[in-house]
Amino acid sequence: MKKFARWVGWSVGVQIWITEKLWASGGGDGGGFSIDVVWQIIAFAVLLFLLAKMLKKPLGSFLVKRQEEIRSSLEQASQKESEAQRLLGEWEKKLESLSREIQDLHETIRQEGEEERKKIVDRAEEEGERVRKQARIIAEHEVKKAQMALKKEMVDLSLELAEKLLKEAIQPQDQERLVREYIGKMKEIR
């Protein structure tokens, strides 16, 4: 690159010198094509030739190097793109898998909820049946208790009535004997 900079500096210097010489000669009658213009064209052509000669190798190697860098960058970009596509595919699979897991989890929770609801209903029905049985037993017990109270009341009333009837119809000696017999029979009934 230093060589190129020196060469450019030298070629620009030559062109300036030639241009100065052409202007210094001052020529020209104002018409046509003057020698100054011809010298300027020649100087410019020489400059172009020298630039082309000097820049051919560095510019060619720079362009080849730049082409390789661009090719390398494109290959890297292509690799990164394929890697990104691969990662995107993996993440999409993971997302799909998570989506399926969430759906399965929802289904499991729904099934467990249904099973739990069923258990609660079964327990409630069992508890209801137990309460009904208990109420039936208590009701039967109360009915028996009421029946016994009624029997006792009937016995008491029967005794009173029998006593009253006996007092009215029988003499004191018969009354005592009948009362005892009746009380004995009532005790047997109880």
C-alpha atoms as a PDB file:
ATOM      1  CA  MET A   1       0.000   0.000   0.000  1.00  0.00           C
ATOM      2  CA  LYS A   2       2.967   2.339   0.701  1.00  0.00           C
ATOM      3  CA  LYS A   3       4.228   1.626  -2.773  1.00  0.00           C
ATOM      4  CA  PHE A   4       0.872   2.602  -4.208  1.00  0.00           C
ATOM      5  CA  ALA A   5       0.758   5.873  -2.240  1.00  0.00           C
ATOM      6  CA  ARG A   6       4.265   6.806  -3.442  1.00  0.00           C
ATOM      7  CA  TRP A   7       3.348   5.998  -7.004  1.00  0.00           C
ATOM      8  CA  VAL A   8       0.125   8.065  -6.841  1.00  0.00           C
ATOM      9  CA  GLY A   9       2.074  10.972  -5.363  1.00  0.00           C
ATOM     10  CA  TRP A  10       4.721  10.722  -8.126  1.00  0.00           C
ATOM     11  CA  SER A  11       2.128  10.455 -10.909  1.00  0.00           C
ATOM     12  CA  VAL A  12       0.164  13.432  -9.603  1.00  0.00           C
ATOM     13  CA  GLY A  13       3.414  15.377  -9.381  1.00  0.00           C
ATOM     14  CA  VAL A  14       4.271  14.538 -13.004  1.00  0.00           C
ATOM     15  CA  GLN A  15       0.850  15.609 -14.140  1.00  0.00           C
ATOM     16  CA  ILE A  16       1.117  18.916 -12.280  1.00  0.00           C
ATOM     17  CA  TRP A  17       4.586  19.538 -13.803  1.00  0.00           C
ATOM     18  CA  ILE A  18       3.320  18.792 -17.304  1.00  0.00           C
ATOM     19  CA  THR A  19       0.287  20.983 -16.771  1.00  0.00           C
ATOM     20  CA  GLU A  20       2.471  23.854 -15.534  1.00  0.00           C
ATOM     21  CA  LYS A  21       4.730  23.512 -18.535  1.00  0.00           C
ATOM     22  CA  LEU A  22       1.768  23.568 -20.848  1.00  0.00           C
ATOM     23  CA  TRP A  23       0.301  26.673 -19.207  1.00  0.00           C
ATOM     24  CA  ALA A  24       3.661  28.333 -19.063  1.00  0.00           C
ATOM     25  CA  SER A  25       4.181  27.920 -22.755  1.00  0.00           C
ATOM     26  CA  GLY A  26       1.081  29.995 -22.972  1.00  0.00           C
ATOM     27  CA  GLY A  27       0.508  29.295 -26.477  1.00  0.00           C
ATOM     28  CA  GLY A  28      -2.342  29.524 -28.471  1.00  0.00           C
ATOM     29  CA  ASP A  29      -3.836  31.767 -30.953  1.00  0.00           C
ATOM     30  CA  GLY A  30      -7.204  30.983 -29.548  1.00  0.00           C
ATOM     31  CA  GLY A  31      -8.338  28.908 -32.443  1.00  0.00           C
ATOM     32  CA  GLY A  32      -8.363  25.268 -33.089  1.00  0.00           C
ATOM     33  CA  PHE A  33      -6.633  22.603 -31.180  1.00  0.00           C
ATOM     34  CA  SER A  34      -3.592  23.929 -29.367  1.00  0.00           C
ATOM     35  CA  ILE A  35      -0.466  22.095 -28.416  1.00  0.00           C
ATOM     36  CA  ASP A  36      -1.259  22.718 -24.744  1.00  0.00           C
ATOM     37  CA  VAL A  37      -4.415  20.697 -24.957  1.00  0.00           C
ATOM     38  CA  VAL A  38      -2.564  17.923 -26.734  1.00  0.00           C
ATOM     39  CA  TRP A  39       0.045  17.853 -23.961  1.00  0.00           C
ATOM     40  CA  GLN A  40      -2.654  17.792 -21.327  1.00  0.00           C
ATOM     41  CA  ILE A  41      -4.346  14.850 -23.050  1.00  0.00           C
ATOM     42  CA  ILE A  42      -1.028  13.039 -23.342  1.00  0.00           C
ATOM     43  CA  ALA A  43      -0.244  13.735 -19.655  1.00  0.00           C
ATOM     44  CA  PHE A  44      -3.671  12.515 -18.654  1.00  0.00           C
ATOM     45  CA  ALA A  45      -3.308   9.363 -20.781  1.00  0.00           C
ATOM     46  CA  VAL A  46       0.132   8.692 -19.292  1.00  0.00           C
ATOM     47  CA  LEU A  47      -1.301   9.205 -15.815  1.00  0.00           C
ATOM     48  CA  LEU A  48      -4.134   6.779 -16.560  1.00  0.00           C
ATOM     49  CA  PHE A  49      -1.709   4.250 -18.006  1.00  0.00           C
ATOM     50  CA  LEU A  50       0.607   4.530 -15.026  1.00  0.00           C
ATOM     51  CA  LEU A  51      -2.306   4.363 -12.597  1.00  0.00           C
ATOM     52  CA  ALA A  52      -3.640   1.298 -14.359  1.00  0.00           C
ATOM     53  CA  LYS A  53      -0.193  -0.304 -14.391  1.00  0.00           C
ATOM     54  CA  MET A  54       0.527   0.512 -10.750  1.00  0.00           C
ATOM     55  CA  LEU A  55      -2.958  -0.159  -9.396  1.00  0.00           C
ATOM     56  CA  LYS A  56      -3.632  -3.345 -11.332  1.00  0.00           C
ATOM     57  CA  LYS A  57      -1.952  -5.680  -8.859  1.00  0.00           C
ATOM     58  CA  PRO A  58      -2.933  -3.966  -5.566  1.00  0.00           C
ATOM     59  CA  LEU A  59      -6.433  -3.225  -6.800  1.00  0.00           C
ATOM     60  CA  GLY A  60      -6.778  -6.777  -8.183  1.00  0.00           C
ATOM     61  CA  SER A  61      -5.574  -8.331  -4.941  1.00  0.00           C
ATOM     62  CA  PHE A  62      -7.788  -5.931  -2.966  1.00  0.00           C
ATOM     63  CA  LEU A  63     -10.794  -6.889  -5.088  1.00  0.00           C
ATOM     64  CA  VAL A  64      -9.973 -10.624  -4.822  1.00  0.00           C
ATOM     65  CA  LYS A  65      -9.498 -10.237  -1.078  1.00  0.00           C
ATOM     66  CA  ARG A  66     -12.727  -8.257  -0.796  1.00  0.00           C
ATOM     67  CA  GLN A  67     -14.523 -10.862  -2.921  1.00  0.00           C
ATOM     68  CA  GLU A  68     -13.264 -13.613  -0.590  1.00  0.00           C
ATOM     69  CA  GLU A  69     -14.368 -11.603   2.448  1.00  0.00           C
ATOM     70  CA  ILE A  70     -17.814 -11.113   0.944  1.00  0.00           C
ATOM     71  CA  ARG A  71     -18.019 -14.806  -0.015  1.00  0.00           C
ATOM     72  CA  SER A  72     -16.916 -15.760   3.508  1.00  0.00           C
ATOM     73  CA  SER A  73     -19.455 -13.346   5.013  1.00  0.00           C
ATOM     74  CA  LEU A  74     -22.191 -14.800   2.790  1.00  0.00           C
ATOM     75  CA  GLU A  75     -21.224 -18.352   3.791  1.00  0.00           C
ATOM     76  CA  GLN A  76     -21.233 -17.362   7.464  1.00  0.00           C
ATOM     77  CA  ALA A  77     -24.576 -15.625   7.017  1.00  0.00           C
ATOM     78  CA  SER A  78     -25.917 -18.733   5.273  1.00  0.00           C
ATOM     79  CA  GLN A  79     -24.617 -20.938   8.101  1.00  0.00           C
ATOM     80  CA  LYS A  80     -26.100 -18.607  10.696  1.00  0.00           C
ATOM     81  CA  GLU A  81     -29.379 -18.566   8.813  1.00  0.00           C
ATOM     82  CA  SER A  82     -29.482 -22.379   8.672  1.00  0.00           C
ATOM     83  CA  GLU A  83     -28.551 -22.509  12.374  1.00  0.00           C
ATOM     84  CA  ALA A  84     -31.299 -19.990  13.125  1.00  0.00           C
ATOM     85  CA  GLN A  85     -33.757 -22.089  11.073  1.00  0.00           C
ATOM     86  CA  ARG A  86     -32.686 -25.200  12.988  1.00  0.00           C
ATOM     87  CA  LEU A  87     -33.097 -23.418  16.326  1.00  0.00           C
ATOM     88  CA  LEU A  88     -36.454 -22.037  15.204  1.00  0.00           C
ATOM     89  CA  GLY A  89     -37.548 -25.565  14.312  1.00  0.00           C
ATOM     90  CA  GLU A  90     -36.407 -26.843  17.713  1.00  0.00           C
ATOM     91  CA  TRP A  91     -38.237 -24.055  19.531  1.00  0.00           C
ATOM     92  CA  GLU A  92     -41.365 -24.651  17.477  1.00  0.00           C
ATOM     93  CA  LYS A  93     -41.198 -28.344  18.407  1.00  0.00           C
ATOM     94  CA  LYS A  94     -40.689 -27.430  22.070  1.00  0.00           C
ATOM     95  CA  LEU A  95     -43.590 -24.980  21.880  1.00  0.00           C
ATOM     96  CA  GLU A  96     -45.784 -27.626  20.278  1.00  0.00           C
ATOM     97  CA  SER A  97     -44.697 -30.128  22.933  1.00  0.00           C
ATOM     98  CA  LEU A  98     -45.497 -27.634  25.692  1.00  0.00           C
ATOM     99  CA  SER A  99     -48.836 -26.940  24.080  1.00  0.00           C
ATOM    100  CA  ARG A 100     -49.600 -30.680  24.073  1.00  0.00           C
ATOM    101  CA  GLU A 101     -48.442 -30.972  27.690  1.00  0.00           C
ATOM    102  CA  ILE A 102     -50.711 -28.090  28.698  1.00  0.00           C
ATOM    103  CA  GLN A 103     -53.613 -29.690  26.856  1.00  0.00           C
ATOM    104  CA  ASP A 104     -52.892 -33.056  28.534  1.00  0.00           C
ATOM    105  CA  LEU A 105     -52.621 -31.323  31.906  1.00  0.00           C
ATOM    106  CA  HIS A 106     -55.986 -29.605  31.340  1.00  0.00           C
ATOM    107  CA  GLU A 107     -57.528 -32.957  30.448  1.00  0.00           C
ATOM    108  CA  THR A 108     -55.969 -34.628  33.507  1.00  0.00           C
ATOM    109  CA  ILE A 109     -57.202 -31.852  35.789  1.00  0.00           C
ATOM    110  CA  ARG A 110     -60.679 -32.089  34.244  1.00  0.00           C
ATOM    111  CA  GLN A 111     -60.750 -35.865  34.737  1.00  0.00           C
ATOM    112  CA  GLU A 112     -59.493 -35.584  38.311  1.00  0.00           C
ATOM    113  CA  GLY A 113     -62.089 -32.901  38.994  1.00  0.00           C
ATOM    114  CA  GLU A 114     -64.805 -35.138  37.558  1.00  0.00           C
ATOM    115  CA  GLU A 115     -63.597 -38.079  39.669  1.00  0.00           C
ATOM    116  CA  GLU A 116     -63.491 -35.885  42.789  1.00  0.00           C
ATOM    117  CA  ARG A 117     -66.996 -34.572  42.053  1.00  0.00           C
ATOM    118  CA  LYS A 118     -68.179 -38.163  41.676  1.00  0.00           C
ATOM    119  CA  LYS A 119     -66.560 -39.124  44.996  1.00  0.00           C
ATOM    120  CA  ILE A 120     -68.190 -36.161  46.739  1.00  0.00           C
ATOM    121  CA  VAL A 121     -71.598 -37.066  45.287  1.00  0.00           C
ATOM    122  CA  ASP A 122     -71.131 -40.711  46.340  1.00  0.00           C
ATOM    123  CA  ARG A 123     -70.101 -39.662  49.854  1.00  0.00           C
ATOM    124  CA  ALA A 124     -73.087 -37.303  50.059  1.00  0.00           C
ATOM    125  CA  GLU A 125     -75.425 -40.078  48.943  1.00  0.00           C
ATOM    126  CA  GLU A 126     -73.901 -42.484  51.498  1.00  0.00           C
ATOM    127  CA  GLU A 127     -74.207 -39.842  54.216  1.00  0.00           C
ATOM    128  CA  GLY A 128     -77.805 -39.161  53.157  1.00  0.00           C
ATOM    129  CA  GLU A 129     -78.587 -42.882  53.334  1.00  0.00           C
ATOM    130  CA  ARG A 130     -76.926 -43.140  56.758  1.00  0.00           C
ATOM    131  CA  VAL A 131     -78.948 -40.168  58.018  1.00  0.00           C
ATOM    132  CA  ARG A 132     -82.163 -41.723  56.627  1.00  0.00           C
ATOM    133  CA  LYS A 133     -81.422 -45.028  58.355  1.00  0.00           C
ATOM    134  CA  GLN A 134     -80.627 -43.233  61.579  1.00  0.00           C
ATOM    135  CA  ALA A 135     -83.824 -41.181  61.296  1.00  0.00           C
ATOM    136  CA  ARG A 136     -85.801 -44.354  60.586  1.00  0.00           C
ATOM    137  CA  ILE A 137     -84.295 -46.052  63.667  1.00  0.00           C
ATOM    138  CA  ILE A 138     -84.990 -42.984  65.796  1.00  0.00           C
ATOM    139  CA  ALA A 139     -88.545 -42.783  64.417  1.00  0.00           C
ATOM    140  CA  GLU A 140     -89.131 -46.484  65.115  1.00  0.00           C
ATOM    141  CA  HIS A 141     -87.713 -46.024  68.601  1.00  0.00           C
ATOM    142  CA  GLU A 142     -89.967 -43.021  69.191  1.00  0.00           C
ATOM    143  CA  VAL A 143     -92.979 -44.948  67.850  1.00  0.00           C
ATOM    144  CA  LYS A 144     -92.209 -47.857  70.206  1.00  0.00           C
ATOM    145  CA  LYS A 145     -91.747 -45.420  73.054  1.00  0.00           C
ATOM    146  CA  ALA A 146     -95.061 -43.759  72.209  1.00  0.00           C
ATOM    147  CA  GLN A 147     -96.738 -47.171  71.945  1.00  0.00           C
ATOM    148  CA  MET A 148     -95.376 -48.155  75.348  1.00  0.00           C
ATOM    149  CA  ALA A 149     -96.539 -44.862  76.828  1.00  0.00           C
ATOM    150  CA  LEU A 150     -99.979 -45.445  75.305  1.00  0.00           C
ATOM    151  CA  LYS A 151    -100.092 -49.008  76.655  1.00  0.00           C
ATOM    152  CA  LYS A 152     -99.097 -47.772  80.081  1.00  0.00           C
ATOM    153  CA  GLU A 153    -101.732 -45.054  79.868  1.00  0.00           C
ATOM    154  CA  MET A 154    -104.307 -47.631  78.738  1.00  0.00           C
ATOM    155  CA  VAL A 155    -103.362 -49.940  81.572  1.00  0.00           C
ATOM    156  CA  ASP A 156    -103.588 -47.134  84.068  1.00  0.00           C
ATOM    157  CA  LEU A 157    -106.941 -46.022  82.715  1.00  0.00           C
ATOM    158  CA  SER A 158    -108.158 -49.603  82.561  1.00  0.00           C
ATOM    159  CA  LEU A 159    -107.114 -50.102  86.160  1.00  0.00           C
ATOM    160  CA  GLU A 160    -108.869 -46.964  87.261  1.00  0.00           C
ATOM    161  CA  LEU A 161    -111.984 -47.870  85.348  1.00  0.00           C
ATOM    162  CA  ALA A 162    -111.951 -51.433  86.590  1.00  0.00           C
ATOM    163  CA  GLU A 163    -111.414 -50.214  90.113  1.00  0.00           C
ATOM    164  CA  LYS A 164    -114.259 -47.797  89.808  1.00  0.00           C
ATOM    165  CA  LEU A 165    -116.585 -50.408  88.341  1.00  0.00           C
ATOM    166  CA  LEU A 166    -115.649 -52.927  90.937  1.00  0.00           C
ATOM    167  CA  LYS A 167    -116.222 -50.481  93.748  1.00  0.00           C
ATOM    168  CA  GLU A 168    -119.657 -49.764  92.496  1.00  0.00           C
ATOM    169  CA  ALA A 169    -120.712 -53.314  91.714  1.00  0.00           C
ATOM    170  CA  ILE A 170    -119.023 -55.442  94.262  1.00  0.00           C
ATOM    171  CA  GLN A 171    -118.855 -55.559  97.933  1.00  0.00           C
ATOM    172  CA  PRO A 172    -115.708 -54.648  99.723  1.00  0.00           C
ATOM    173  CA  GLN A 173    -114.563 -58.300 100.040  1.00  0.00           C
ATOM    174  CA  ASP A 174    -115.172 -59.093  96.404  1.00  0.00           C
ATOM    175  CA  GLN A 175    -113.594 -55.891  95.404  1.00  0.00           C
ATOM    176  CA  GLU A 176    -110.331 -56.703  97.011  1.00  0.00           C
ATOM    177  CA  ARG A 177    -110.168 -60.150  95.466  1.00  0.00           C
ATOM    178  CA  LEU A 178    -111.067 -58.928  91.944  1.00  0.00           C
ATOM    179  CA  VAL A 179    -108.589 -56.048  92.120  1.00  0.00           C
ATOM    180  CA  ARG A 180    -105.804 -58.422  93.008  1.00  0.00           C
ATOM    181  CA  GLU A 181    -106.674 -60.811  90.195  1.00  0.00           C
ATOM    182  CA  TYR A 182    -106.923 -57.963  87.700  1.00  0.00           C
ATOM    183  CA  ILE A 183    -103.625 -56.427  88.754  1.00  0.00           C
ATOM    184  CA  GLY A 184    -101.941 -59.814  88.435  1.00  0.00           C
ATOM    185  CA  LYS A 185    -103.257 -60.231  84.880  1.00  0.00           C
ATOM    186  CA  MET A 186    -102.150 -56.721  83.950  1.00  0.00           C
ATOM    187  CA  LYS A 187     -98.695 -57.388  85.226  1.00  0.00           C
ATOM    188  CA  GLU A 188     -98.549 -60.462  83.035  1.00  0.00           C
ATOM    189  CA  ILE A 189     -99.586 -58.424  79.992  1.00  0.00           C
ATOM    190  CA  ARG A 190     -96.890 -55.861  80.555  1.00  0.00           C
END
